Amino acid sequence: MDQIVKPRLDPAKFRDPVVTAKGETRATVALRALDTLWFNTGTLCNLTCAGCYIESSPRNDRLSYLSRSEVRAYLDEIAADKLPTQLIGFTGGEPFMNPDLIGMLDDVLSHGLHALVLTNAMLPMRKLRDPLLALHRSYGDKLKIRVSLDHYTTEGHEAERGARSWQPTIDGLIWLAENGFSVDVAGRRLTAESEDSLRAGYGRLFAQLGLPLDAADPVRLMLFPEMDPASDVPEITTACWGILHKSPEDVMCASARMVVKRKDATAPAVVACTLVPYDPRFELGRTLKEASGPVSLNHPYCASFCVLGGAACSR
């Protein structure tokens, strides 16, 4: 499992929202429709992972806990403006550490929307087994849980998540499956293994654990490209769409936004996507309407995760 080594980012890149370091026109992405709205419930987490793009930890509170009333205000805006939103995602940090999460989920699901929670499935989730089961009984597969399992081996996962993190996550994953939850797994391309090799490894693990997950299905097992803002990646220009045979509508910010609440802020703000919670260049407004403008692909993650990586946090 050799680690991927990449050259360092050219400091001249990703400076100007309009042009690249080479003077070419930078690509932008218009919001086609707000299909998915993410809420970052706060950056506090029960783990300190080696390569967490948001630097979540038991001490990082740069993004404060969102409250139930703050989330409800955005649900009300979706309803009032008849937005086409179908999915509400919750990420962190560890979402199950937010004391309002169960109430937030109930509000989302009672609005007729689907809910997705990204979790490490460890103790914070397990503490809420009873209210989670009640939500599942009421709303069934409208509630989906995506469990972060960074590699199909104990060693690979714990190299990222820390010692003794494997078994609690496996136990949580099995509990979800045994209780009939709609569950997916999110892995990482942390090593130089091919995608086929990674999917085969996860497939063997799922079979060993008796989990009803198809490792070949790119939704049931999402393999996210590794993100390092210091690694060199190409800047995305308007010409890249034709060269790469891709469309701006394929990029996450064409159909999604994320709500965050910065520490000491008086109100939440809407940012372009889940990957850029701290960068002020991607803060688009307080309301969903204010945040409906185009996004300049002026960040390394725009290239490494979305355009070249072909990934998205929801499908």
C-alpha atoms as a PDB file:
ATOM      1  CA  MET A   1       0.000   0.000   0.000  1.00  0.00           C
ATOM      2  CA  ASP A   2       2.499   2.602  -1.183  1.00  0.00           C
ATOM      3  CA  GLN A   3       1.421   6.143  -0.437  1.00  0.00           C
ATOM      4  CA  ILE A   4       0.769   8.551  -3.304  1.00  0.00           C
ATOM      5  CA  VAL A   5       3.432  11.272  -3.488  1.00  0.00           C
ATOM      6  CA  LYS A   6       2.584  14.472  -5.405  1.00  0.00           C
ATOM      7  CA  PRO A   7       4.622  17.581  -6.252  1.00  0.00           C
ATOM      8  CA  ARG A   8       3.984  20.791  -4.326  1.00  0.00           C
ATOM      9  CA  LEU A   9       1.529  23.412  -5.593  1.00  0.00           C
ATOM     10  CA  ASP A  10       2.860  26.282  -7.694  1.00  0.00           C
ATOM     11  CA  PRO A  11       2.226  29.376  -5.491  1.00  0.00           C
ATOM     12  CA  ALA A  12       1.191  31.393  -8.553  1.00  0.00           C
ATOM     13  CA  LYS A  13      -1.899  29.215  -9.056  1.00  0.00           C
ATOM     14  CA  PHE A  14      -5.436  29.802  -7.747  1.00  0.00           C
ATOM     15  CA  ARG A  15      -4.869  33.483  -7.039  1.00  0.00           C
ATOM     16  CA  ASP A  16      -7.252  35.294  -9.374  1.00  0.00           C
ATOM     17  CA  PRO A  17     -10.941  34.346  -9.681  1.00  0.00           C
ATOM     18  CA  VAL A  18     -11.010  35.391 -13.353  1.00  0.00           C
ATOM     19  CA  VAL A  19      -7.730  34.212 -14.877  1.00  0.00           C
ATOM     20  CA  THR A  20      -5.241  31.425 -14.178  1.00  0.00           C
ATOM     21  CA  ALA A  21      -1.521  31.765 -13.540  1.00  0.00           C
ATOM     22  CA  LYS A  22      -1.012  31.330 -17.303  1.00  0.00           C
ATOM     23  CA  GLY A  23      -3.443  34.130 -18.085  1.00  0.00           C
ATOM     24  CA  GLU A  24      -6.205  31.838 -19.356  1.00  0.00           C
ATOM     25  CA  THR A  25      -9.869  32.357 -18.529  1.00  0.00           C
ATOM     26  CA  ARG A  26     -10.747  30.460 -15.372  1.00  0.00           C
ATOM     27  CA  ALA A  27     -13.797  28.192 -15.501  1.00  0.00           C
ATOM     28  CA  THR A  28     -16.913  29.146 -13.571  1.00  0.00           C
ATOM     29  CA  VAL A  29     -19.957  27.068 -12.726  1.00  0.00           C
ATOM     30  CA  ALA A  30     -23.529  28.338 -12.652  1.00  0.00           C
ATOM     31  CA  LEU A  31     -26.054  26.929 -10.210  1.00  0.00           C
ATOM     32  CA  ARG A  32     -28.288  24.786 -12.422  1.00  0.00           C
ATOM     33  CA  ALA A  33     -30.647  23.950  -9.564  1.00  0.00           C
ATOM     34  CA  LEU A  34     -30.263  23.499  -5.825  1.00  0.00           C
ATOM     35  CA  ASP A  35     -30.730  19.734  -5.728  1.00  0.00           C
ATOM     36  CA  THR A  36     -28.755  19.244  -2.501  1.00  0.00           C
ATOM     37  CA  LEU A  37     -28.243  21.460   0.532  1.00  0.00           C
ATOM     38  CA  TRP A  38     -25.537  20.500   3.004  1.00  0.00           C
ATOM     39  CA  PHE A  39     -25.293  21.605   6.610  1.00  0.00           C
ATOM     40  CA  ASN A  40     -21.969  21.496   8.398  1.00  0.00           C
ATOM     41  CA  THR A  41     -23.154  20.743  11.905  1.00  0.00           C
ATOM     42  CA  GLY A  42     -19.837  21.894  13.423  1.00  0.00           C
ATOM     43  CA  THR A  43     -16.169  20.933  13.158  1.00  0.00           C
ATOM     44  CA  LEU A  44     -15.900  19.205  16.542  1.00  0.00           C
ATOM     45  CA  CYS A  45     -15.205  15.490  16.131  1.00  0.00           C
ATOM     46  CA  ASN A  46     -14.341  12.546  18.338  1.00  0.00           C
ATOM     47  CA  LEU A  47     -11.337  11.785  16.085  1.00  0.00           C
ATOM     48  CA  THR A  48      -8.309  13.684  14.819  1.00  0.00           C
ATOM     49  CA  CYS A  49      -7.631  12.197  11.388  1.00  0.00           C
ATOM     50  CA  ALA A  50      -4.266  12.566   9.675  1.00  0.00           C
ATOM     51  CA  GLY A  51      -5.590  14.016   6.421  1.00  0.00           C
ATOM     52  CA  CYS A  52      -8.917  15.599   7.329  1.00  0.00           C
ATOM     53  CA  TYR A  53      -9.498  18.395   4.798  1.00  0.00           C
ATOM     54  CA  ILE A  54     -11.508  20.355   7.373  1.00  0.00           C
ATOM     55  CA  GLU A  55      -9.112  19.588  10.268  1.00  0.00           C
ATOM     56  CA  SER A  56     -11.915  18.284  12.504  1.00  0.00           C
ATOM     57  CA  SER A  57     -10.896  17.254  15.992  1.00  0.00           C
ATOM     58  CA  PRO A  58     -12.120  17.269  19.610  1.00  0.00           C
ATOM     59  CA  ARG A  59     -10.727  20.835  19.844  1.00  0.00           C
ATOM     60  CA  ASN A  60     -11.469  22.437  16.473  1.00  0.00           C
ATOM     61  CA  ASP A  61     -14.556  24.597  16.870  1.00  0.00           C
ATOM     62  CA  ARG A  62     -13.850  26.980  13.969  1.00  0.00           C
ATOM     63  CA  LEU A  63     -17.317  26.059  12.736  1.00  0.00           C
ATOM     64  CA  SER A  64     -19.840  26.176  15.570  1.00  0.00           C
ATOM     65  CA  TYR A  65     -22.737  23.831  16.115  1.00  0.00           C
ATOM     66  CA  LEU A  66     -25.718  24.787  13.978  1.00  0.00           C
ATOM     67  CA  SER A  67     -28.994  24.953  15.878  1.00  0.00           C
ATOM     68  CA  ARG A  68     -32.272  23.331  14.944  1.00  0.00           C
ATOM     69  CA  SER A  69     -33.894  26.725  14.423  1.00  0.00           C
ATOM     70  CA  GLU A  70     -31.106  27.828  12.069  1.00  0.00           C
ATOM     71  CA  VAL A  71     -31.528  24.722   9.942  1.00  0.00           C
ATOM     72  CA  ARG A  72     -35.307  25.125   9.973  1.00  0.00           C
ATOM     73  CA  ALA A  73     -34.957  28.653   8.560  1.00  0.00           C
ATOM     74  CA  TYR A  74     -33.289  27.244   5.445  1.00  0.00           C
ATOM     75  CA  LEU A  75     -35.916  24.517   5.130  1.00  0.00           C
ATOM     76  CA  ASP A  76     -38.545  27.269   5.289  1.00  0.00           C
ATOM     77  CA  GLU A  77     -36.719  29.178   2.523  1.00  0.00           C
ATOM     78  CA  ILE A  78     -36.696  26.056   0.342  1.00  0.00           C
ATOM     79  CA  ALA A  79     -40.445  25.665   0.855  1.00  0.00           C
ATOM     80  CA  ALA A  80     -41.297  29.355   0.431  1.00  0.00           C
ATOM     81  CA  ASP A  81     -39.299  29.743  -2.800  1.00  0.00           C
ATOM     82  CA  LYS A  82     -40.359  26.322  -4.093  1.00  0.00           C
ATOM     83  CA  LEU A  83     -36.742  25.294  -4.661  1.00  0.00           C
ATOM     84  CA  PRO A  84     -36.213  21.882  -6.283  1.00  0.00           C
ATOM     85  CA  THR A  85     -34.148  20.597  -3.348  1.00  0.00           C
ATOM     86  CA  GLN A  86     -34.596  16.884  -2.671  1.00  0.00           C
ATOM     87  CA  LEU A  87     -31.660  15.974  -0.423  1.00  0.00           C
ATOM     88  CA  ILE A  88     -30.391  17.530   2.801  1.00  0.00           C
ATOM     89  CA  GLY A  89     -26.924  16.369   3.839  1.00  0.00           C
ATOM     90  CA  PHE A  90     -25.280  16.657   7.241  1.00  0.00           C
ATOM     91  CA  THR A  91     -21.521  16.638   7.606  1.00  0.00           C
ATOM     92  CA  GLY A  92     -18.989  17.808  10.168  1.00  0.00           C
ATOM     93  CA  GLY A  93     -16.929  17.196  12.208  1.00  0.00           C
ATOM     94  CA  GLU A  94     -18.985  14.333  13.509  1.00  0.00           C
ATOM     95  CA  PRO A  95     -22.658  15.265  13.020  1.00  0.00           C
ATOM     96  CA  PHE A  96     -23.891  13.019  15.817  1.00  0.00           C
ATOM     97  CA  MET A  97     -21.999  15.180  18.328  1.00  0.00           C
ATOM     98  CA  ASN A  98     -24.357  18.081  17.574  1.00  0.00           C
ATOM     99  CA  PRO A  99     -27.072  17.918  20.254  1.00  0.00           C
ATOM    100  CA  ASP A 100     -29.748  19.120  17.806  1.00  0.00           C
ATOM    101  CA  LEU A 101     -29.071  16.575  15.056  1.00  0.00           C
ATOM    102  CA  ILE A 102     -32.000  14.258  15.763  1.00  0.00           C
ATOM    103  CA  GLY A 103     -34.406  17.205  15.770  1.00  0.00           C
ATOM    104  CA  MET A 104     -32.874  18.534  12.557  1.00  0.00           C
ATOM    105  CA  LEU A 105     -33.328  15.155  10.886  1.00  0.00           C
ATOM    106  CA  ASP A 106     -36.943  14.976  12.028  1.00  0.00           C
ATOM    107  CA  ASP A 107     -37.590  18.442  10.563  1.00  0.00           C
ATOM    108  CA  VAL A 108     -35.979  17.523   7.249  1.00  0.00           C
ATOM    109  CA  LEU A 109     -37.790  14.224   6.913  1.00  0.00           C
ATOM    110  CA  SER A 110     -41.154  15.645   7.997  1.00  0.00           C
ATOM    111  CA  HIS A 111     -40.798  18.205   5.176  1.00  0.00           C
ATOM    112  CA  GLY A 112     -40.805  15.263   2.752  1.00  0.00           C
ATOM    113  CA  LEU A 113     -37.100  15.633   1.950  1.00  0.00           C
ATOM    114  CA  HIS A 114     -34.424  12.947   2.017  1.00  0.00           C
ATOM    115  CA  ALA A 115     -31.647  13.165   4.619  1.00  0.00           C
ATOM    116  CA  LEU A 116     -28.056  11.942   4.441  1.00  0.00           C
ATOM    117  CA  VAL A 117     -25.686  11.857   7.422  1.00  0.00           C
ATOM    118  CA  LEU A 118     -21.938  11.395   7.056  1.00  0.00           C
ATOM    119  CA  THR A 119     -20.516   9.704  10.153  1.00  0.00           C
ATOM    120  CA  ASN A 120     -17.703   7.570  11.500  1.00  0.00           C
ATOM    121  CA  ALA A 121     -20.425   5.408  13.146  1.00  0.00           C
ATOM    122  CA  MET A 122     -18.590   5.392  16.454  1.00  0.00           C
ATOM    123  CA  LEU A 123     -19.738   6.225  19.988  1.00  0.00           C
ATOM    124  CA  PRO A 124     -21.519   9.554  19.235  1.00  0.00           C
ATOM    125  CA  MET A 125     -23.831   7.710  16.838  1.00  0.00           C
ATOM    126  CA  ARG A 126     -24.221   4.669  19.054  1.00  0.00           C
ATOM    127  CA  LYS A 127     -25.370   6.881  21.945  1.00  0.00           C
ATOM    128  CA  LEU A 128     -28.367   7.864  19.812  1.00  0.00           C
ATOM    129  CA  ARG A 129     -29.479   4.385  18.816  1.00  0.00           C
ATOM    130  CA  ASP A 130     -33.006   4.695  20.202  1.00  0.00           C
ATOM    131  CA  PRO A 131     -33.940   8.022  18.545  1.00  0.00           C
ATOM    132  CA  LEU A 132     -32.237   6.862  15.331  1.00  0.00           C
ATOM    133  CA  LEU A 133     -34.337   3.703  15.321  1.00  0.00           C
ATOM    134  CA  ALA A 134     -37.452   5.819  15.869  1.00  0.00           C
ATOM    135  CA  LEU A 135     -36.583   7.963  12.855  1.00  0.00           C
ATOM    136  CA  HIS A 136     -35.976   4.859  10.783  1.00  0.00           C
ATOM    137  CA  ARG A 137     -39.338   3.409  11.778  1.00  0.00           C
ATOM    138  CA  SER A 138     -41.077   6.650  10.816  1.00  0.00           C
ATOM    139  CA  TYR A 139     -39.243   7.507   7.586  1.00  0.00           C
ATOM    140  CA  GLY A 140     -37.517   4.344   6.350  1.00  0.00           C
ATOM    141  CA  ASP A 141     -35.082   4.782   3.485  1.00  0.00           C
ATOM    142  CA  LYS A 142     -35.617   8.540   3.329  1.00  0.00           C
ATOM    143  CA  LEU A 143     -32.885   8.582   5.977  1.00  0.00           C
ATOM    144  CA  LYS A 144     -29.503   7.398   4.695  1.00  0.00           C
ATOM    145  CA  ILE A 145     -26.315   6.976   6.703  1.00  0.00           C
ATOM    146  CA  ARG A 146     -22.931   7.084   4.965  1.00  0.00           C
ATOM    147  CA  VAL A 147     -20.124   5.573   7.026  1.00  0.00           C
ATOM    148  CA  SER A 148     -16.535   6.687   6.549  1.00  0.00           C
ATOM    149  CA  LEU A 149     -14.265   3.648   6.235  1.00  0.00           C
ATOM    150  CA  ASP A 150     -11.023   4.916   4.798  1.00  0.00           C
ATOM    151  CA  HIS A 151      -9.594   1.545   3.734  1.00  0.00           C
ATOM    152  CA  TYR A 152     -10.685  -2.079   3.677  1.00  0.00           C
ATOM    153  CA  THR A 153      -7.932  -3.079   6.118  1.00  0.00           C
ATOM    154  CA  THR A 154      -7.496  -2.226   9.775  1.00  0.00           C
ATOM    155  CA  GLU A 155      -4.002  -0.923   9.097  1.00  0.00           C
ATOM    156  CA  GLY A 156      -5.021   1.325   6.214  1.00  0.00           C
ATOM    157  CA  HIS A 157      -8.000   2.777   8.049  1.00  0.00           C
ATOM    158  CA  GLU A 158      -6.167   3.377  11.314  1.00  0.00           C
ATOM    159  CA  ALA A 159      -3.209   4.989   9.543  1.00  0.00           C
ATOM    160  CA  GLU A 160      -5.661   7.788   8.760  1.00  0.00           C
ATOM    161  CA  ARG A 161      -8.107   7.655  11.678  1.00  0.00           C
ATOM    162  CA  GLY A 162      -5.862   6.588  14.548  1.00  0.00           C
ATOM    163  CA  ALA A 163      -5.364   3.517  16.715  1.00  0.00           C
ATOM    164  CA  ARG A 164      -8.452   1.614  17.877  1.00  0.00           C
ATOM    165  CA  SER A 165     -10.725   3.430  15.403  1.00  0.00           C
ATOM    166  CA  TRP A 166     -11.411   0.415  13.158  1.00  0.00           C
ATOM    167  CA  GLN A 167     -13.503  -1.906  15.306  1.00  0.00           C
ATOM    168  CA  PRO A 168     -15.939   0.718  16.664  1.00  0.00           C
ATOM    169  CA  THR A 169     -16.662   1.830  13.093  1.00  0.00           C
ATOM    170  CA  ILE A 170     -17.144  -1.760  11.928  1.00  0.00           C
ATOM    171  CA  ASP A 171     -19.472  -2.397  14.889  1.00  0.00           C
ATOM    172  CA  GLY A 172     -21.497   0.712  14.030  1.00  0.00           C
ATOM    173  CA  LEU A 173     -21.700  -0.257  10.371  1.00  0.00           C
ATOM    174  CA  ILE A 174     -22.937  -3.740  11.234  1.00  0.00           C
ATOM    175  CA  TRP A 175     -25.505  -2.311  13.669  1.00  0.00           C
ATOM    176  CA  LEU A 176     -26.905  -0.020  10.981  1.00  0.00           C
ATOM    177  CA  ALA A 177     -27.150  -2.843   8.457  1.00  0.00           C
ATOM    178  CA  GLU A 178     -28.705  -5.294  10.911  1.00  0.00           C
ATOM    179  CA  ASN A 179     -31.372  -2.745  11.807  1.00  0.00           C
ATOM    180  CA  GLY A 180     -32.330  -2.121   8.196  1.00  0.00           C
ATOM    181  CA  PHE A 181     -30.957   1.377   7.715  1.00  0.00           C
ATOM    182  CA  SER A 182     -30.148   2.534   4.206  1.00  0.00           C
ATOM    183  CA  VAL A 183     -26.365   2.642   4.481  1.00  0.00           C
ATOM    184  CA  ASP A 184     -23.470   3.435   2.155  1.00  0.00           C
ATOM    185  CA  VAL A 185     -19.709   3.501   2.713  1.00  0.00           C
ATOM    186  CA  ALA A 186     -17.232   6.239   1.832  1.00  0.00           C
ATOM    187  CA  GLY A 187     -13.635   5.172   1.231  1.00  0.00           C
ATOM    188  CA  ARG A 188     -10.543   7.148   0.311  1.00  0.00           C
ATOM    189  CA  ARG A 189      -7.917   6.731  -2.378  1.00  0.00           C
ATOM    190  CA  LEU A 190      -5.118   7.088   0.144  1.00  0.00           C
ATOM    191  CA  THR A 191      -2.803   4.545  -1.486  1.00  0.00           C
ATOM    192  CA  ALA A 192      -1.469   3.862  -4.960  1.00  0.00           C
ATOM    193  CA  GLU A 193      -3.879   0.953  -5.439  1.00  0.00           C
ATOM    194  CA  SER A 194      -6.103   1.005  -8.501  1.00  0.00           C
ATOM    195  CA  GLU A 195      -9.825   1.596  -8.106  1.00  0.00           C
ATOM    196  CA  ASP A 196     -10.492  -2.000  -9.145  1.00  0.00           C
ATOM    197  CA  SER A 197      -8.141  -3.254  -6.437  1.00  0.00           C
ATOM    198  CA  LEU A 198      -9.763  -1.030  -3.811  1.00  0.00           C
ATOM    199  CA  ARG A 199     -13.282  -2.135  -4.758  1.00  0.00           C
ATOM    200  CA  ALA A 200     -12.227  -5.776  -4.696  1.00  0.00           C
ATOM    201  CA  GLY A 201     -10.766  -5.309  -1.220  1.00  0.00           C
ATOM    202  CA  TYR A 202     -13.915  -3.651   0.089  1.00  0.00           C
ATOM    203  CA  GLY A 203     -15.987  -6.362  -1.571  1.00  0.00           C
ATOM    204  CA  ARG A 204     -14.115  -9.051   0.346  1.00  0.00           C
ATOM    205  CA  LEU A 205     -14.632  -7.114   3.589  1.00  0.00           C
ATOM    206  CA  PHE A 206     -18.365  -6.633   2.992  1.00  0.00           C
ATOM    207  CA  ALA A 207     -18.783 -10.338   2.251  1.00  0.00           C
ATOM    208  CA  GLN A 208     -16.824 -11.286   5.371  1.00  0.00           C
ATOM    209  CA  LEU A 209     -19.013  -9.024   7.521  1.00  0.00           C
ATOM    210  CA  GLY A 210     -22.255 -10.128   5.858  1.00  0.00           C
ATOM    211  CA  LEU A 211     -23.087  -6.588   4.725  1.00  0.00           C
ATOM    212  CA  PRO A 212     -25.578  -6.160   1.835  1.00  0.00           C
ATOM    213  CA  LEU A 213     -23.324  -3.687   0.011  1.00  0.00           C
ATOM    214  CA  ASP A 214     -22.173  -3.931  -3.589  1.00  0.00           C
ATOM    215  CA  ALA A 215     -18.598  -2.666  -3.694  1.00  0.00           C
ATOM    216  CA  ALA A 216     -18.837  -2.245  -7.466  1.00  0.00           C
ATOM    217  CA  ASP A 217     -21.672   0.276  -7.108  1.00  0.00           C
ATOM    218  CA  PRO A 218     -20.150   3.813  -7.117  1.00  0.00           C
ATOM    219  CA  VAL A 219     -22.953   5.085  -4.874  1.00  0.00           C
ATOM    220  CA  ARG A 220     -22.995   2.282  -2.306  1.00  0.00           C
ATOM    221  CA  LEU A 221     -19.196   2.567  -2.100  1.00  0.00           C
ATOM    222  CA  MET A 222     -17.908   6.049  -2.873  1.00  0.00           C
ATOM    223  CA  LEU A 223     -14.145   6.262  -3.304  1.00  0.00           C
ATOM    224  CA  PHE A 224     -13.090   9.863  -2.848  1.00  0.00           C
ATOM    225  CA  PRO A 225      -9.842  11.205  -4.289  1.00  0.00           C
ATOM    226  CA  GLU A 226      -7.302  12.375  -1.767  1.00  0.00           C
ATOM    227  CA  MET A 227      -7.312  16.130  -1.199  1.00  0.00           C
ATOM    228  CA  ASP A 228      -4.206  18.084  -0.299  1.00  0.00           C
ATOM    229  CA  PRO A 229      -4.340  21.840  -0.955  1.00  0.00           C
ATOM    230  CA  ALA A 230      -0.537  21.912  -1.125  1.00  0.00           C
ATOM    231  CA  SER A 231      -0.294  19.307  -3.937  1.00  0.00           C
ATOM    232  CA  ASP A 232       0.120  20.600  -7.471  1.00  0.00           C
ATOM    233  CA  VAL A 233      -2.912  20.276  -9.742  1.00  0.00           C
ATOM    234  CA  PRO A 234      -3.863  21.982 -13.007  1.00  0.00           C
ATOM    235  CA  GLU A 235      -6.090  25.038 -12.934  1.00  0.00           C
ATOM    236  CA  ILE A 236      -9.427  24.550 -14.689  1.00  0.00           C
ATOM    237  CA  THR A 237     -10.006  26.867 -17.642  1.00  0.00           C
ATOM    238  CA  THR A 238     -13.029  27.334 -19.878  1.00  0.00           C
ATOM    239  CA  ALA A 239     -11.205  25.260 -22.507  1.00  0.00           C
ATOM    240  CA  CYS A 240     -10.948  22.294 -20.123  1.00  0.00           C
ATOM    241  CA  TRP A 241     -14.610  21.352 -20.537  1.00  0.00           C
ATOM    242  CA  GLY A 242     -14.038  20.416 -24.158  1.00  0.00           C
ATOM    243  CA  ILE A 243     -10.591  18.928 -23.602  1.00  0.00           C
ATOM    244  CA  LEU A 244     -11.812  16.715 -20.751  1.00  0.00           C
ATOM    245  CA  HIS A 245     -15.216  16.015 -22.363  1.00  0.00           C
ATOM    246  CA  LYS A 246     -16.945  17.220 -19.222  1.00  0.00           C
ATOM    247  CA  SER A 247     -19.706  19.683 -18.498  1.00  0.00           C
ATOM    248  CA  PRO A 248     -19.893  22.391 -15.815  1.00  0.00           C
ATOM    249  CA  GLU A 249     -23.170  20.760 -14.778  1.00  0.00           C
ATOM    250  CA  ASP A 250     -21.186  17.714 -13.600  1.00  0.00           C
ATOM    251  CA  VAL A 251     -19.443  19.743 -10.892  1.00  0.00           C
ATOM    252  CA  MET A 252     -20.838  19.750  -7.369  1.00  0.00           C
ATOM    253  CA  CYS A 253     -21.430  23.509  -7.159  1.00  0.00           C
ATOM    254  CA  ALA A 254     -23.817  23.277 -10.122  1.00  0.00           C
ATOM    255  CA  SER A 255     -26.363  21.582  -7.881  1.00  0.00           C
ATOM    256  CA  ALA A 256     -25.366  22.045  -4.226  1.00  0.00           C
ATOM    257  CA  ARG A 257     -24.474  24.536  -1.514  1.00  0.00           C
ATOM    258  CA  MET A 258     -23.454  24.206   2.155  1.00  0.00           C
ATOM    259  CA  VAL A 259     -24.472  26.154   5.255  1.00  0.00           C
ATOM    260  CA  VAL A 260     -21.837  26.841   7.916  1.00  0.00           C
ATOM    261  CA  LYS A 261     -21.689  28.908  11.075  1.00  0.00           C
ATOM    262  CA  ARG A 262     -18.305  30.370  11.814  1.00  0.00           C
ATOM    263  CA  LYS A 263     -17.160  30.631  15.410  1.00  0.00           C
ATOM    264  CA  ASP A 264     -18.474  33.836  17.015  1.00  0.00           C
ATOM    265  CA  ALA A 265     -20.617  34.638  13.940  1.00  0.00           C
ATOM    266  CA  THR A 266     -24.097  35.955  14.642  1.00  0.00           C
ATOM    267  CA  ALA A 267     -25.686  33.924  11.840  1.00  0.00           C
ATOM    268  CA  PRO A 268     -24.901  31.087   9.432  1.00  0.00           C
ATOM    269  CA  ALA A 269     -23.569  31.672   5.922  1.00  0.00           C
ATOM    270  CA  VAL A 270     -23.870  29.742   2.667  1.00  0.00           C
ATOM    271  CA  VAL A 271     -20.675  28.570   0.949  1.00  0.00           C
ATOM    272  CA  ALA A 272     -20.123  27.100  -2.498  1.00  0.00           C
ATOM    273  CA  CYS A 273     -19.714  23.466  -1.457  1.00  0.00           C
ATOM    274  CA  THR A 274     -18.631  21.068   1.277  1.00  0.00           C
ATOM    275  CA  LEU A 275     -14.920  21.348   0.415  1.00  0.00           C
ATOM    276  CA  VAL A 276     -14.257  25.043   1.072  1.00  0.00           C
ATOM    277  CA  PRO A 277     -15.804  25.879   4.469  1.00  0.00           C
ATOM    278  CA  TYR A 278     -13.054  28.253   5.618  1.00  0.00           C
ATOM    279  CA  ASP A 279     -12.127  30.121   2.433  1.00  0.00           C
ATOM    280  CA  PRO A 280     -13.876  33.537   2.471  1.00  0.00           C
ATOM    281  CA  ARG A 281     -13.734  33.693  -1.337  1.00  0.00           C
ATOM    282  CA  PHE A 282     -16.414  30.998  -1.441  1.00  0.00           C
ATOM    283  CA  GLU A 283     -18.825  32.576   1.035  1.00  0.00           C
ATOM    284  CA  LEU A 284     -21.795  33.511  -1.139  1.00  0.00           C
ATOM    285  CA  GLY A 285     -24.346  35.062   1.205  1.00  0.00           C
ATOM    286  CA  ARG A 286     -26.629  34.505   4.182  1.00  0.00           C
ATOM    287  CA  THR A 287     -29.585  33.106   2.266  1.00  0.00           C
ATOM    288  CA  LEU A 288     -29.955  30.501  -0.458  1.00  0.00           C
ATOM    289  CA  LYS A 289     -31.152  33.200  -2.833  1.00  0.00           C
ATOM    290  CA  GLU A 290     -28.042  35.288  -2.198  1.00  0.00           C
ATOM    291  CA  ALA A 291     -25.891  32.182  -2.764  1.00  0.00           C
ATOM    292  CA  SER A 292     -27.386  31.292  -6.142  1.00  0.00           C
ATOM    293  CA  GLY A 293     -24.728  33.012  -8.250  1.00  0.00           C
ATOM    294  CA  PRO A 294     -21.920  31.346 -10.244  1.00  0.00           C
ATOM    295  CA  VAL A 295     -18.807  29.923  -8.586  1.00  0.00           C
ATOM    296  CA  SER A 296     -15.265  30.501  -9.843  1.00  0.00           C
ATOM    297  CA  LEU A 297     -13.199  27.296  -9.760  1.00  0.00           C
ATOM    298  CA  ASN A 298     -10.409  29.035  -7.904  1.00  0.00           C
ATOM    299  CA  HIS A 299      -9.296  26.355  -5.460  1.00  0.00           C
ATOM    300  CA  PRO A 300      -7.118  23.224  -5.798  1.00  0.00           C
ATOM    301  CA  TYR A 301     -10.028  21.057  -4.626  1.00  0.00           C
ATOM    302  CA  CYS A 302     -12.100  22.228  -7.603  1.00  0.00           C
ATOM    303  CA  ALA A 303      -9.583  20.411  -9.779  1.00  0.00           C
ATOM    304  CA  SER A 304      -8.420  17.479  -7.633  1.00  0.00           C
ATOM    305  CA  PHE A 305     -11.815  16.449  -6.248  1.00  0.00           C
ATOM    306  CA  CYS A 306     -14.496  17.629  -8.656  1.00  0.00           C
ATOM    307  CA  VAL A 307     -13.276  18.135 -12.221  1.00  0.00           C
ATOM    308  CA  LEU A 308     -10.288  15.781 -12.472  1.00  0.00           C
ATOM    309  CA  GLY A 309     -11.300  13.518  -9.579  1.00  0.00           C
ATOM    310  CA  GLY A 310     -14.849  13.204 -10.898  1.00  0.00           C
ATOM    311  CA  ALA A 311     -16.199  13.045  -7.352  1.00  0.00           C
ATOM    312  CA  ALA A 312     -19.227  14.534  -5.623  1.00  0.00           C
ATOM    313  CA  CYS A 313     -20.426  14.331  -2.040  1.00  0.00           C
ATOM    314  CA  SER A 314     -23.920  13.316  -3.173  1.00  0.00           C
ATOM    315  CA  ARG A 315     -25.387  11.528  -6.176  1.00  0.00           C
END
